[in-house]
Amino acid sequence: MCRNIHVLHNFEPAANGEEVHAAALQYVRKVSGSTKPSKANTEAFERAVHEIAHITQHLLEDLVATSPPKDREVEAAKARERSAKRFATA
């Protein structure tokens, strides 16, 4: 999976359209093997991003969470801490 696609489910505040679009774009880039499509493929590329973002938004709306939503700031702080430990110099 692409590193830039992050979990979007069960966060407070909920994922916005921009985050969903960014995840869809990363997915299409990964599947197609290109970051920028040729002119001949631009329409298909953009259509795929739009459709995947649309379906992803429906998925996020329909998923049921049994645990309380995670706080974005707390999760970001945890990620920064893990990164600092991982890349710490001796």
PDB file of N, CA and C in Angstrom:
ATOM      1  N   MET A   1       0.841  -1.179   0.000  1.00  0.00           N
ATOM      2  CA  MET A   1       0.000   0.000   0.000  1.00  0.00           C
ATOM      3  C   MET A   1       0.887   1.244   0.000  1.00  0.00           C
ATOM      4  N   CYS A   2       0.386   2.285  -0.572  1.00  0.00           N
ATOM      5  CA  CYS A   2       1.117   3.535  -0.636  1.00  0.00           C
ATOM      6  C   CYS A   2       1.213   4.157   0.758  1.00  0.00           C
ATOM      7  N   ARG A   3       2.375   4.637   1.108  1.00  0.00           N
ATOM      8  CA  ARG A   3       2.577   5.230   2.434  1.00  0.00           C
ATOM      9  C   ARG A   3       1.731   6.466   2.659  1.00  0.00           C
ATOM     10  N   ASN A   4       1.369   7.164   1.609  1.00  0.00           N
ATOM     11  CA  ASN A   4       0.640   8.412   1.760  1.00  0.00           C
ATOM     12  C   ASN A   4      -0.861   8.223   1.945  1.00  0.00           C
ATOM     13  N   ILE A   5      -1.338   7.003   1.847  1.00  0.00           N
ATOM     14  CA  ILE A   5      -2.748   6.753   2.101  1.00  0.00           C
ATOM     15  C   ILE A   5      -2.882   6.418   3.578  1.00  0.00           C
ATOM     16  N   HIS A   6      -3.617   7.245   4.288  1.00  0.00           N
ATOM     17  CA  HIS A   6      -3.775   7.079   5.726  1.00  0.00           C
ATOM     18  C   HIS A   6      -5.177   6.597   6.059  1.00  0.00           C
ATOM     19  N   VAL A   7      -5.314   6.017   7.239  1.00  0.00           N
ATOM     20  CA  VAL A   7      -6.629   5.599   7.719  1.00  0.00           C
ATOM     21  C   VAL A   7      -7.493   6.851   7.865  1.00  0.00           C
ATOM     22  N   LEU A   8      -8.692   6.803   7.344  1.00  0.00           N
ATOM     23  CA  LEU A   8      -9.608   7.938   7.403  1.00  0.00           C
ATOM     24  C   LEU A   8     -10.824   7.669   8.278  1.00  0.00           C
ATOM     25  N   HIS A   9     -11.001   6.426   8.676  1.00  0.00           N
ATOM     26  CA  HIS A   9     -12.192   6.030   9.433  1.00  0.00           C
ATOM     27  C   HIS A   9     -12.003   6.230  10.931  1.00  0.00           C
ATOM     28  N   ASN A  10     -13.059   6.638  11.589  1.00  0.00           N
ATOM     29  CA  ASN A  10     -13.165   6.739  13.043  1.00  0.00           C
ATOM     30  C   ASN A  10     -12.221   7.782  13.632  1.00  0.00           C
ATOM     31  N   PHE A  11     -12.226   8.968  13.028  1.00  0.00           N
ATOM     32  CA  PHE A  11     -11.469  10.092  13.563  1.00  0.00           C
ATOM     33  C   PHE A  11     -12.421  11.234  13.871  1.00  0.00           C
ATOM     34  N   GLU A  12     -12.046  12.036  14.828  1.00  0.00           N
ATOM     35  CA  GLU A  12     -12.806  13.223  15.163  1.00  0.00           C
ATOM     36  C   GLU A  12     -11.887  14.407  14.981  1.00  0.00           C
ATOM     37  N   PRO A  13     -12.164  15.368  14.149  1.00  0.00           N
ATOM     38  CA  PRO A  13     -13.301  15.431  13.234  1.00  0.00           C
ATOM     39  C   PRO A  13     -13.150  14.437  12.084  1.00  0.00           C
ATOM     40  N   ALA A  14     -14.268  14.119  11.498  1.00  0.00           N
ATOM     41  CA  ALA A  14     -14.293  13.131  10.414  1.00  0.00           C
ATOM     42  C   ALA A  14     -13.491  13.630   9.214  1.00  0.00           C
ATOM     43  N   ALA A  15     -13.071  12.686   8.390  1.00  0.00           N
ATOM     44  CA  ALA A  15     -12.305  13.020   7.188  1.00  0.00           C
ATOM     45  C   ALA A  15     -13.123  13.935   6.284  1.00  0.00           C
ATOM     46  N   ASN A  16     -12.460  14.934   5.749  1.00  0.00           N
ATOM     47  CA  ASN A  16     -13.167  15.856   4.853  1.00  0.00           C
ATOM     48  C   ASN A  16     -12.964  15.433   3.402  1.00  0.00           C
ATOM     49  N   GLY A  17     -13.632  16.101   2.511  1.00  0.00           N
ATOM     50  CA  GLY A  17     -13.564  15.760   1.092  1.00  0.00           C
ATOM     51  C   GLY A  17     -12.168  15.868   0.515  1.00  0.00           C
ATOM     52  N   GLU A  18     -11.394  16.818   1.011  1.00  0.00           N
ATOM     53  CA  GLU A  18     -10.022  16.989   0.531  1.00  0.00           C
ATOM     54  C   GLU A  18      -9.152  15.784   0.885  1.00  0.00           C
ATOM     55  N   GLU A  19      -9.304  15.268   2.093  1.00  0.00           N
ATOM     56  CA  GLU A  19      -8.539  14.089   2.522  1.00  0.00           C
ATOM     57  C   GLU A  19      -8.949  12.855   1.728  1.00  0.00           C
ATOM     58  N   VAL A  20     -10.236  12.714   1.485  1.00  0.00           N
ATOM     59  CA  VAL A  20     -10.733  11.584   0.703  1.00  0.00           C
ATOM     60  C   VAL A  20     -10.204  11.665  -0.725  1.00  0.00           C
ATOM     61  N   HIS A  21     -10.230  12.851  -1.306  1.00  0.00           N
ATOM     62  CA  HIS A  21      -9.718  13.038  -2.668  1.00  0.00           C
ATOM     63  C   HIS A  21      -8.228  12.726  -2.732  1.00  0.00           C
ATOM     64  N   ALA A  22      -7.466  13.172  -1.737  1.00  0.00           N
ATOM     65  CA  ALA A  22      -6.020  12.913  -1.717  1.00  0.00           C
ATOM     66  C   ALA A  22      -5.738  11.414  -1.650  1.00  0.00           C
ATOM     67  N   ALA A  23      -6.512  10.685  -0.851  1.00  0.00           N
ATOM     68  CA  ALA A  23      -6.326   9.235  -0.758  1.00  0.00           C
ATOM     69  C   ALA A  23      -6.674   8.565  -2.089  1.00  0.00           C
ATOM     70  N   ALA A  24      -7.754   9.024  -2.724  1.00  0.00           N
ATOM     71  CA  ALA A  24      -8.149   8.467  -4.019  1.00  0.00           C
ATOM     72  C   ALA A  24      -7.079   8.745  -5.071  1.00  0.00           C
ATOM     73  N   LEU A  25      -6.526   9.930  -5.057  1.00  0.00           N
ATOM     74  CA  LEU A  25      -5.474  10.287  -6.004  1.00  0.00           C
ATOM     75  C   LEU A  25      -4.245   9.398  -5.809  1.00  0.00           C
ATOM     76  N   GLN A  26      -3.843   9.180  -4.568  1.00  0.00           N
ATOM     77  CA  GLN A  26      -2.691   8.317  -4.288  1.00  0.00           C
ATOM     78  C   GLN A  26      -2.964   6.888  -4.759  1.00  0.00           C
ATOM     79  N   TYR A  27      -4.181   6.415  -4.544  1.00  0.00           N
ATOM     80  CA  TYR A  27      -4.542   5.060  -4.976  1.00  0.00           C
ATOM     81  C   TYR A  27      -4.444   4.930  -6.498  1.00  0.00           C
ATOM     82  N   VAL A  28      -5.015   5.888  -7.217  1.00  0.00           N
ATOM     83  CA  VAL A  28      -4.998   5.828  -8.681  1.00  0.00           C
ATOM     84  C   VAL A  28      -3.565   5.949  -9.202  1.00  0.00           C
ATOM     85  N   ARG A  29      -2.764   6.785  -8.574  1.00  0.00           N
ATOM     86  CA  ARG A  29      -1.364   6.894  -8.969  1.00  0.00           C
ATOM     87  C   ARG A  29      -0.644   5.561  -8.791  1.00  0.00           C
ATOM     88  N   LYS A  30      -0.903   4.910  -7.679  1.00  0.00           N
ATOM     89  CA  LYS A  30      -0.247   3.630  -7.399  1.00  0.00           C
ATOM     90  C   LYS A  30      -0.682   2.571  -8.408  1.00  0.00           C
ATOM     91  N   VAL A  31      -1.976   2.460  -8.637  1.00  0.00           N
ATOM     92  CA  VAL A  31      -2.510   1.443  -9.538  1.00  0.00           C
ATOM     93  C   VAL A  31      -2.073   1.698 -10.980  1.00  0.00           C
ATOM     94  N   SER A  32      -2.086   2.962 -11.400  1.00  0.00           N
ATOM     95  CA  SER A  32      -1.748   3.272 -12.790  1.00  0.00           C
ATOM     96  C   SER A  32      -0.239   3.288 -13.031  1.00  0.00           C
ATOM     97  N   GLY A  33       0.527   3.469 -11.977  1.00  0.00           N
ATOM     98  CA  GLY A  33       1.976   3.506 -12.128  1.00  0.00           C
ATOM     99  C   GLY A  33       2.514   4.842 -12.594  1.00  0.00           C
ATOM    100  N   SER A  34       1.684   5.876 -12.528  1.00  0.00           N
ATOM    101  CA  SER A  34       2.172   7.195 -12.940  1.00  0.00           C
ATOM    102  C   SER A  34       1.620   8.273 -12.017  1.00  0.00           C
ATOM    103  N   THR A  35       2.435   9.299 -11.799  1.00  0.00           N
ATOM    104  CA  THR A  35       1.970  10.405 -10.959  1.00  0.00           C
ATOM    105  C   THR A  35       1.235  11.453 -11.786  1.00  0.00           C
ATOM    106  N   LYS A  36       1.581  11.512 -13.064  1.00  0.00           N
ATOM    107  CA  LYS A  36       0.900  12.442 -13.966  1.00  0.00           C
ATOM    108  C   LYS A  36       0.617  11.708 -15.267  1.00  0.00           C
ATOM    109  N   PRO A  37      -0.659  11.521 -15.585  1.00  0.00           N
ATOM    110  CA  PRO A  37      -0.991  10.767 -16.799  1.00  0.00           C
ATOM    111  C   PRO A  37      -0.687  11.562 -18.070  1.00  0.00           C
ATOM    112  N   SER A  38      -0.547  10.835 -19.147  1.00  0.00           N
ATOM    113  CA  SER A  38      -0.371  11.487 -20.449  1.00  0.00           C
ATOM    114  C   SER A  38      -1.677  12.176 -20.839  1.00  0.00           C
ATOM    115  N   LYS A  39      -1.610  13.029 -21.844  1.00  0.00           N
ATOM    116  CA  LYS A  39      -2.826  13.718 -22.297  1.00  0.00           C
ATOM    117  C   LYS A  39      -3.897  12.730 -22.722  1.00  0.00           C
ATOM    118  N   ALA A  40      -3.475  11.627 -23.314  1.00  0.00           N
ATOM    119  CA  ALA A  40      -4.430  10.617 -23.776  1.00  0.00           C
ATOM    120  C   ALA A  40      -5.143   9.935 -22.604  1.00  0.00           C
ATOM    121  N   ASN A  41      -4.495   9.891 -21.432  1.00  0.00           N
ATOM    122  CA  ASN A  41      -5.067   9.185 -20.288  1.00  0.00           C
ATOM    123  C   ASN A  41      -5.610  10.104 -19.197  1.00  0.00           C
ATOM    124  N   THR A  42      -5.505  11.400 -19.376  1.00  0.00           N
ATOM    125  CA  THR A  42      -5.919  12.343 -18.336  1.00  0.00           C
ATOM    126  C   THR A  42      -7.387  12.185 -17.954  1.00  0.00           C
ATOM    127  N   GLU A  43      -8.256  12.070 -18.926  1.00  0.00           N
ATOM    128  CA  GLU A  43      -9.688  11.963 -18.641  1.00  0.00           C
ATOM    129  C   GLU A  43      -9.996  10.700 -17.835  1.00  0.00           C
ATOM    130  N   ALA A  44      -9.445   9.579 -18.228  1.00  0.00           N
ATOM    131  CA  ALA A  44      -9.677   8.317 -17.505  1.00  0.00           C
ATOM    132  C   ALA A  44      -9.099   8.396 -16.093  1.00  0.00           C
ATOM    133  N   PHE A  45      -7.935   8.994 -15.951  1.00  0.00           N
ATOM    134  CA  PHE A  45      -7.267   9.146 -14.659  1.00  0.00           C
ATOM    135  C   PHE A  45      -8.134   9.984 -13.721  1.00  0.00           C
ATOM    136  N   GLU A  46      -8.567  11.156 -14.193  1.00  0.00           N
ATOM    137  CA  GLU A  46      -9.383  12.052 -13.367  1.00  0.00           C
ATOM    138  C   GLU A  46     -10.731  11.446 -13.033  1.00  0.00           C
ATOM    139  N   ARG A  47     -11.320  10.720 -13.978  1.00  0.00           N
ATOM    140  CA  ARG A  47     -12.596  10.056 -13.725  1.00  0.00           C
ATOM    141  C   ARG A  47     -12.436   8.997 -12.635  1.00  0.00           C
ATOM    142  N   ALA A  48     -11.348   8.244 -12.699  1.00  0.00           N
ATOM    143  CA  ALA A  48     -11.086   7.215 -11.690  1.00  0.00           C
ATOM    144  C   ALA A  48     -10.919   7.847 -10.308  1.00  0.00           C
ATOM    145  N   VAL A  49     -10.176   8.941 -10.225  1.00  0.00           N
ATOM    146  CA  VAL A  49      -9.986   9.625  -8.939  1.00  0.00           C
ATOM    147  C   VAL A  49     -11.334  10.074  -8.389  1.00  0.00           C
ATOM    148  N   HIS A  50     -12.150  10.686  -9.241  1.00  0.00           N
ATOM    149  CA  HIS A  50     -13.464  11.181  -8.813  1.00  0.00           C
ATOM    150  C   HIS A  50     -14.351  10.031  -8.316  1.00  0.00           C
ATOM    151  N   GLU A  51     -14.412   8.951  -9.080  1.00  0.00           N
ATOM    152  CA  GLU A  51     -15.272   7.822  -8.704  1.00  0.00           C
ATOM    153  C   GLU A  51     -14.789   7.137  -7.427  1.00  0.00           C
ATOM    154  N   ILE A  52     -13.486   6.968  -7.286  1.00  0.00           N
ATOM    155  CA  ILE A  52     -12.962   6.333  -6.082  1.00  0.00           C
ATOM    156  C   ILE A  52     -13.189   7.218  -4.861  1.00  0.00           C
ATOM    157  N   ALA A  53     -13.022   8.516  -5.011  1.00  0.00           N
ATOM    158  CA  ALA A  53     -13.290   9.437  -3.900  1.00  0.00           C
ATOM    159  C   ALA A  53     -14.763   9.365  -3.498  1.00  0.00           C
ATOM    160  N   HIS A  54     -15.631   9.310  -4.485  1.00  0.00           N
ATOM    161  CA  HIS A  54     -17.070   9.237  -4.224  1.00  0.00           C
ATOM    162  C   HIS A  54     -17.422   7.951  -3.449  1.00  0.00           C
ATOM    163  N   ILE A  55     -16.925   6.831  -3.917  1.00  0.00           N
ATOM    164  CA  ILE A  55     -17.195   5.552  -3.263  1.00  0.00           C
ATOM    165  C   ILE A  55     -16.572   5.513  -1.871  1.00  0.00           C
ATOM    166  N   THR A  56     -15.377   6.073  -1.735  1.00  0.00           N
ATOM    167  CA  THR A  56     -14.708   6.102  -0.430  1.00  0.00           C
ATOM    168  C   THR A  56     -15.528   6.907   0.569  1.00  0.00           C
ATOM    169  N   GLN A  57     -16.074   8.031   0.132  1.00  0.00           N
ATOM    170  CA  GLN A  57     -16.906   8.841   1.025  1.00  0.00           C
ATOM    171  C   GLN A  57     -18.124   8.051   1.486  1.00  0.00           C
ATOM    172  N   HIS A  58     -18.748   7.314   0.575  1.00  0.00           N
ATOM    173  CA  HIS A  58     -19.889   6.471   0.961  1.00  0.00           C
ATOM    174  C   HIS A  58     -19.458   5.394   1.945  1.00  0.00           C
ATOM    175  N   LEU A  59     -18.325   4.782   1.702  1.00  0.00           N
ATOM    176  CA  LEU A  59     -17.813   3.758   2.608  1.00  0.00           C
ATOM    177  C   LEU A  59     -17.623   4.331   4.005  1.00  0.00           C
ATOM    178  N   LEU A  60     -16.972   5.474   4.106  1.00  0.00           N
ATOM    179  CA  LEU A  60     -16.729   6.088   5.414  1.00  0.00           C
ATOM    180  C   LEU A  60     -18.026   6.433   6.125  1.00  0.00           C
ATOM    181  N   GLU A  61     -19.027   6.860   5.373  1.00  0.00           N
ATOM    182  CA  GLU A  61     -20.327   7.186   5.966  1.00  0.00           C
ATOM    183  C   GLU A  61     -21.046   5.939   6.472  1.00  0.00           C
ATOM    184  N   ASP A  62     -20.847   4.801   5.807  1.00  0.00           N
ATOM    185  CA  ASP A  62     -21.569   3.575   6.153  1.00  0.00           C
ATOM    186  C   ASP A  62     -20.886   2.709   7.201  1.00  0.00           C
ATOM    187  N   LEU A  63     -19.579   2.897   7.398  1.00  0.00           N
ATOM    188  CA  LEU A  63     -18.867   2.071   8.374  1.00  0.00           C
ATOM    189  C   LEU A  63     -19.347   2.373   9.791  1.00  0.00           C
ATOM    190  N   VAL A  64     -19.419   1.331  10.607  1.00  0.00           N
ATOM    191  CA  VAL A  64     -19.831   1.468  11.996  1.00  0.00           C
ATOM    192  C   VAL A  64     -18.610   1.220  12.871  1.00  0.00           C
ATOM    193  N   ALA A  65     -18.380   2.122  13.812  1.00  0.00           N
ATOM    194  CA  ALA A  65     -17.239   1.986  14.723  1.00  0.00           C
ATOM    195  C   ALA A  65     -17.743   1.591  16.100  1.00  0.00           C
ATOM    196  N   THR A  66     -17.076   0.622  16.710  1.00  0.00           N
ATOM    197  CA  THR A  66     -17.454   0.205  18.056  1.00  0.00           C
ATOM    198  C   THR A  66     -16.601   0.892  19.118  1.00  0.00           C
ATOM    199  N   SER A  67     -15.517   1.515  18.700  1.00  0.00           N
ATOM    200  CA  SER A  67     -14.661   2.236  19.640  1.00  0.00           C
ATOM    201  C   SER A  67     -14.877   3.734  19.457  1.00  0.00           C
ATOM    202  N   PRO A  68     -14.539   4.511  20.476  1.00  0.00           N
ATOM    203  CA  PRO A  68     -14.707   5.964  20.334  1.00  0.00           C
ATOM    204  C   PRO A  68     -13.760   6.520  19.273  1.00  0.00           C
ATOM    205  N   PRO A  69     -14.136   7.612  18.628  1.00  0.00           N
ATOM    206  CA  PRO A  69     -13.288   8.184  17.591  1.00  0.00           C
ATOM    207  C   PRO A  69     -11.942   8.637  18.156  1.00  0.00           C
ATOM    208  N   LYS A  70     -10.903   8.491  17.324  1.00  0.00           N
ATOM    209  CA  LYS A  70      -9.563   8.924  17.723  1.00  0.00           C
ATOM    210  C   LYS A  70      -9.425  10.411  17.450  1.00  0.00           C
ATOM    211  N   ASP A  71      -8.631  11.064  18.292  1.00  0.00           N
ATOM    212  CA  ASP A  71      -8.349  12.482  18.125  1.00  0.00           C
ATOM    213  C   ASP A  71      -7.195  12.648  17.141  1.00  0.00           C
ATOM    214  N   ARG A  72      -7.394  13.436  16.120  1.00  0.00           N
ATOM    215  CA  ARG A  72      -6.363  13.622  15.085  1.00  0.00           C
ATOM    216  C   ARG A  72      -5.057  14.161  15.654  1.00  0.00           C
ATOM    217  N   GLU A  73      -5.150  15.119  16.562  1.00  0.00           N
ATOM    218  CA  GLU A  73      -3.939  15.727  17.132  1.00  0.00           C
ATOM    219  C   GLU A  73      -3.156  14.722  17.972  1.00  0.00           C
ATOM    220  N   VAL A  74      -3.857  13.922  18.745  1.00  0.00           N
ATOM    221  CA  VAL A  74      -3.196  12.911  19.579  1.00  0.00           C
ATOM    222  C   VAL A  74      -2.505  11.875  18.703  1.00  0.00           C
ATOM    223  N   GLU A  75      -3.178  11.421  17.651  1.00  0.00           N
ATOM    224  CA  GLU A  75      -2.592  10.429  16.751  1.00  0.00           C
ATOM    225  C   GLU A  75      -1.392  11.012  16.000  1.00  0.00           C
ATOM    226  N   ALA A  76      -1.470  12.288  15.619  1.00  0.00           N
ATOM    227  CA  ALA A  76      -0.342  12.933  14.938  1.00  0.00           C
ATOM    228  C   ALA A  76       0.857  13.036  15.880  1.00  0.00           C
ATOM    229  N   ALA A  77       0.610  13.346  17.148  1.00  0.00           N
ATOM    230  CA  ALA A  77       1.705  13.426  18.126  1.00  0.00           C
ATOM    231  C   ALA A  77       2.354  12.059  18.312  1.00  0.00           C
ATOM    232  N   LYS A  78       1.544  11.003  18.364  1.00  0.00           N
ATOM    233  CA  LYS A  78       2.086   9.649  18.489  1.00  0.00           C
ATOM    234  C   LYS A  78       2.961   9.304  17.282  1.00  0.00           C
ATOM    235  N   ALA A  79       2.508   9.676  16.095  1.00  0.00           N
ATOM    236  CA  ALA A  79       3.268   9.396  14.876  1.00  0.00           C
ATOM    237  C   ALA A  79       4.596  10.153  14.883  1.00  0.00           C
ATOM    238  N   ARG A  80       4.580  11.414  15.330  1.00  0.00           N
ATOM    239  CA  ARG A  80       5.820  12.184  15.409  1.00  0.00           C
ATOM    240  C   ARG A  80       6.788  11.545  16.405  1.00  0.00           C
ATOM    241  N   GLU A  81       6.264  11.064  17.517  1.00  0.00           N
ATOM    242  CA  GLU A  81       7.105  10.408  18.530  1.00  0.00           C
ATOM    243  C   GLU A  81       7.728   9.129  17.971  1.00  0.00           C
ATOM    244  N   ARG A  82       6.925   8.316  17.277  1.00  0.00           N
ATOM    245  CA  ARG A  82       7.462   7.095  16.659  1.00  0.00           C
ATOM    246  C   ARG A  82       8.541   7.431  15.642  1.00  0.00           C
ATOM    247  N   SER A  83       8.308   8.474  14.868  1.00  0.00           N
ATOM    248  CA  SER A  83       9.275   8.874  13.860  1.00  0.00           C
ATOM    249  C   SER A  83      10.566   9.363  14.509  1.00  0.00           C
ATOM    250  N   ALA A  84      10.444  10.125  15.587  1.00  0.00           N
ATOM    251  CA  ALA A  84      11.639  10.620  16.273  1.00  0.00           C
ATOM    252  C   ALA A  84      12.465   9.467  16.818  1.00  0.00           C
ATOM    253  N   LYS A  85      11.813   8.466  17.385  1.00  0.00           N
ATOM    254  CA  LYS A  85      12.523   7.291  17.900  1.00  0.00           C
ATOM    255  C   LYS A  85      13.164   6.504  16.763  1.00  0.00           C
ATOM    256  N   ARG A  86      12.446   6.366  15.674  1.00  0.00           N
ATOM    257  CA  ARG A  86      12.933   5.580  14.551  1.00  0.00           C
ATOM    258  C   ARG A  86      14.162   6.207  13.898  1.00  0.00           C
ATOM    259  N   PHE A  87      14.142   7.525  13.760  1.00  0.00           N
ATOM    260  CA  PHE A  87      15.208   8.215  13.054  1.00  0.00           C
ATOM    261  C   PHE A  87      16.184   8.943  13.978  1.00  0.00           C
ATOM    262  N   ALA A  88      16.131   8.629  15.266  1.00  0.00           N
ATOM    263  CA  ALA A  88      17.046   9.266  16.220  1.00  0.00           C
ATOM    264  C   ALA A  88      18.479   8.881  15.930  1.00  0.00           C
ATOM    265  N   THR A  89      19.364   9.835  16.094  1.00  0.00           N
ATOM    266  CA  THR A  89      20.785   9.550  15.893  1.00  0.00           C
ATOM    267  C   THR A  89      21.405   9.212  17.235  1.00  0.00           C
ATOM    268  N   ALA A  90      22.365   8.310  17.201  1.00  0.00           N
ATOM    269  CA  ALA A  90      22.993   7.866  18.446  1.00  0.00           C
ATOM    270  C   ALA A  90      24.054   8.819  18.910  1.00  0.00           C
TER     271      ALA A  90
END
